[in-house]
Amino acid sequence: MKKRVALGIVWVALVAVGSAAEEVFTKAVAKADFSAAGLGKLSTEELARLDG
C-alpha cells in the first residue's frame, strides 16, 4: 500500500513537471488520479503551493 501511494505521488509530480508550462498542477491531474494520490485531503493553501 505504501509503495502504491509513493508511486502515485511520484507519478503526479512527473505529470506536474511535464505540463507545468501548459496548465496549473491541480487542473492537470485527472480527478481519479487526484483522489488516488490523496490530494483531496490537502488544504486550499497546500493546493495553492502545488500550483506554484
N, C-alpha and C. Protein backbone atom coordinates (compact mmCIF):
# COMPACT_ATOMS: atom_id res chain seq x y z
N MET A 1 0.82 -1.20 0.00
CA MET A 1 0.00 0.00 0.00
C MET A 1 0.87 1.26 0.00
N LYS A 2 1.90 1.26 0.83
CA LYS A 2 2.78 2.43 0.89
C LYS A 2 3.50 2.65 -0.44
N LYS A 3 3.86 1.54 -1.08
CA LYS A 3 4.53 1.66 -2.38
C LYS A 3 3.59 2.27 -3.41
N ARG A 4 2.31 1.90 -3.34
CA ARG A 4 1.33 2.45 -4.27
C ARG A 4 1.17 3.95 -4.09
N VAL A 5 1.10 4.37 -2.83
CA VAL A 5 0.95 5.80 -2.54
C VAL A 5 2.18 6.55 -3.02
N ALA A 6 3.36 6.02 -2.72
CA ALA A 6 4.59 6.67 -3.14
C ALA A 6 4.67 6.73 -4.66
N LEU A 7 4.30 5.66 -5.32
CA LEU A 7 4.32 5.63 -6.77
C LEU A 7 3.33 6.65 -7.33
N GLY A 8 2.16 6.74 -6.71
CA GLY A 8 1.16 7.73 -7.14
C GLY A 8 1.66 9.14 -6.99
N ILE A 9 2.33 9.42 -5.89
CA ILE A 9 2.87 10.77 -5.67
C ILE A 9 3.95 11.09 -6.69
N VAL A 10 4.81 10.14 -6.96
CA VAL A 10 5.86 10.36 -7.97
C VAL A 10 5.24 10.58 -9.34
N TRP A 11 4.24 9.79 -9.67
CA TRP A 11 3.57 9.95 -10.97
C TRP A 11 2.93 11.32 -11.08
N VAL A 12 2.25 11.73 -10.02
CA VAL A 12 1.60 13.04 -10.03
C VAL A 12 2.65 14.14 -10.19
N ALA A 13 3.77 14.01 -9.52
CA ALA A 13 4.85 15.00 -9.64
C ALA A 13 5.37 15.05 -11.07
N LEU A 14 5.53 13.91 -11.69
CA LEU A 14 6.02 13.88 -13.08
C LEU A 14 5.00 14.50 -14.03
N VAL A 15 3.75 14.25 -13.81
CA VAL A 15 2.71 14.87 -14.62
C VAL A 15 2.76 16.38 -14.46
N ALA A 16 2.96 16.81 -13.23
CA ALA A 16 3.00 18.25 -12.96
C ALA A 16 4.18 18.91 -13.68
N VAL A 17 5.33 18.27 -13.63
CA VAL A 17 6.51 18.83 -14.30
C VAL A 17 6.30 18.86 -15.81
N GLY A 18 5.73 17.81 -16.34
CA GLY A 18 5.52 17.71 -17.79
C GLY A 18 4.53 18.71 -18.33
N SER A 19 3.56 19.09 -17.52
CA SER A 19 2.54 20.01 -18.01
C SER A 19 2.58 21.37 -17.34
N ALA A 20 3.64 21.65 -16.63
CA ALA A 20 3.74 22.91 -15.88
C ALA A 20 3.61 24.13 -16.79
N ALA A 21 4.15 24.04 -17.97
CA ALA A 21 4.10 25.18 -18.88
C ALA A 21 2.70 25.38 -19.46
N GLU A 22 1.90 24.33 -19.46
CA GLU A 22 0.59 24.39 -20.08
C GLU A 22 -0.52 24.79 -19.13
N GLU A 23 -0.56 24.19 -17.94
CA GLU A 23 -1.64 24.47 -17.02
C GLU A 23 -1.18 24.26 -15.57
N VAL A 24 -1.99 24.69 -14.64
CA VAL A 24 -1.63 24.54 -13.23
C VAL A 24 -1.78 23.09 -12.80
N PHE A 25 -1.04 22.72 -11.79
CA PHE A 25 -0.97 21.34 -11.33
C PHE A 25 -2.34 20.75 -11.03
N THR A 26 -3.13 21.43 -10.22
CA THR A 26 -4.40 20.85 -9.78
C THR A 26 -5.39 20.67 -10.93
N LYS A 27 -5.21 21.38 -12.02
CA LYS A 27 -6.07 21.22 -13.18
C LYS A 27 -5.53 20.17 -14.15
N ALA A 28 -4.23 19.88 -14.07
CA ALA A 28 -3.60 18.95 -14.99
C ALA A 28 -3.84 17.50 -14.61
N VAL A 29 -4.11 17.24 -13.35
CA VAL A 29 -4.28 15.88 -12.86
C VAL A 29 -5.75 15.46 -12.98
N ALA A 30 -5.97 14.29 -13.50
CA ALA A 30 -7.34 13.76 -13.61
C ALA A 30 -7.93 13.60 -12.22
N LYS A 31 -9.25 13.76 -12.11
CA LYS A 31 -9.91 13.68 -10.80
C LYS A 31 -9.64 12.34 -10.12
N ALA A 32 -9.67 11.26 -10.87
CA ALA A 32 -9.43 9.94 -10.29
C ALA A 32 -8.01 9.84 -9.73
N ASP A 33 -7.04 10.35 -10.46
CA ASP A 33 -5.64 10.32 -10.01
C ASP A 33 -5.45 11.25 -8.82
N PHE A 34 -6.12 12.38 -8.85
CA PHE A 34 -6.05 13.35 -7.76
C PHE A 34 -6.51 12.69 -6.46
N SER A 35 -7.62 11.98 -6.53
CA SER A 35 -8.16 11.29 -5.35
C SER A 35 -7.28 10.11 -4.95
N ALA A 36 -6.82 9.34 -5.93
CA ALA A 36 -6.00 8.16 -5.65
C ALA A 36 -4.70 8.53 -4.95
N ALA A 37 -4.17 9.70 -5.25
CA ALA A 37 -2.93 10.15 -4.62
C ALA A 37 -3.18 10.80 -3.27
N GLY A 38 -4.43 10.93 -2.87
CA GLY A 38 -4.75 11.51 -1.57
C GLY A 38 -4.70 13.02 -1.55
N LEU A 39 -4.70 13.64 -2.71
CA LEU A 39 -4.56 15.09 -2.76
C LEU A 39 -5.83 15.82 -2.32
N GLY A 40 -6.95 15.10 -2.27
CA GLY A 40 -8.18 15.70 -1.80
C GLY A 40 -8.15 16.07 -0.33
N LYS A 41 -7.18 15.53 0.39
CA LYS A 41 -7.04 15.81 1.81
C LYS A 41 -6.28 17.12 2.08
N LEU A 42 -5.69 17.68 1.04
CA LEU A 42 -4.90 18.90 1.22
C LEU A 42 -5.78 20.12 1.40
N SER A 43 -5.27 21.08 2.15
CA SER A 43 -6.00 22.33 2.36
C SER A 43 -5.87 23.21 1.11
N THR A 44 -6.66 24.25 1.08
CA THR A 44 -6.60 25.20 -0.03
C THR A 44 -5.21 25.80 -0.16
N GLU A 45 -4.59 26.10 0.97
CA GLU A 45 -3.24 26.68 0.97
C GLU A 45 -2.22 25.69 0.41
N GLU A 46 -2.35 24.42 0.79
CA GLU A 46 -1.41 23.41 0.29
C GLU A 46 -1.58 23.20 -1.21
N LEU A 47 -2.79 23.19 -1.68
CA LEU A 47 -3.04 23.05 -3.11
C LEU A 47 -2.48 24.26 -3.87
N ALA A 48 -2.61 25.44 -3.30
CA ALA A 48 -2.06 26.64 -3.93
C ALA A 48 -0.54 26.54 -4.06
N ARG A 49 0.11 25.94 -3.08
CA ARG A 49 1.57 25.76 -3.16
C ARG A 49 1.93 24.81 -4.30
N LEU A 50 1.14 23.76 -4.48
CA LEU A 50 1.39 22.84 -5.58
C LEU A 50 1.25 23.53 -6.94
N ASP A 51 0.28 24.43 -7.01
CA ASP A 51 0.06 25.15 -8.25
C ASP A 51 1.16 26.16 -8.52
N GLY A 52 1.93 26.48 -7.50
CA GLY A 52 3.07 27.38 -7.65
C GLY A 52 2.68 28.76 -7.89
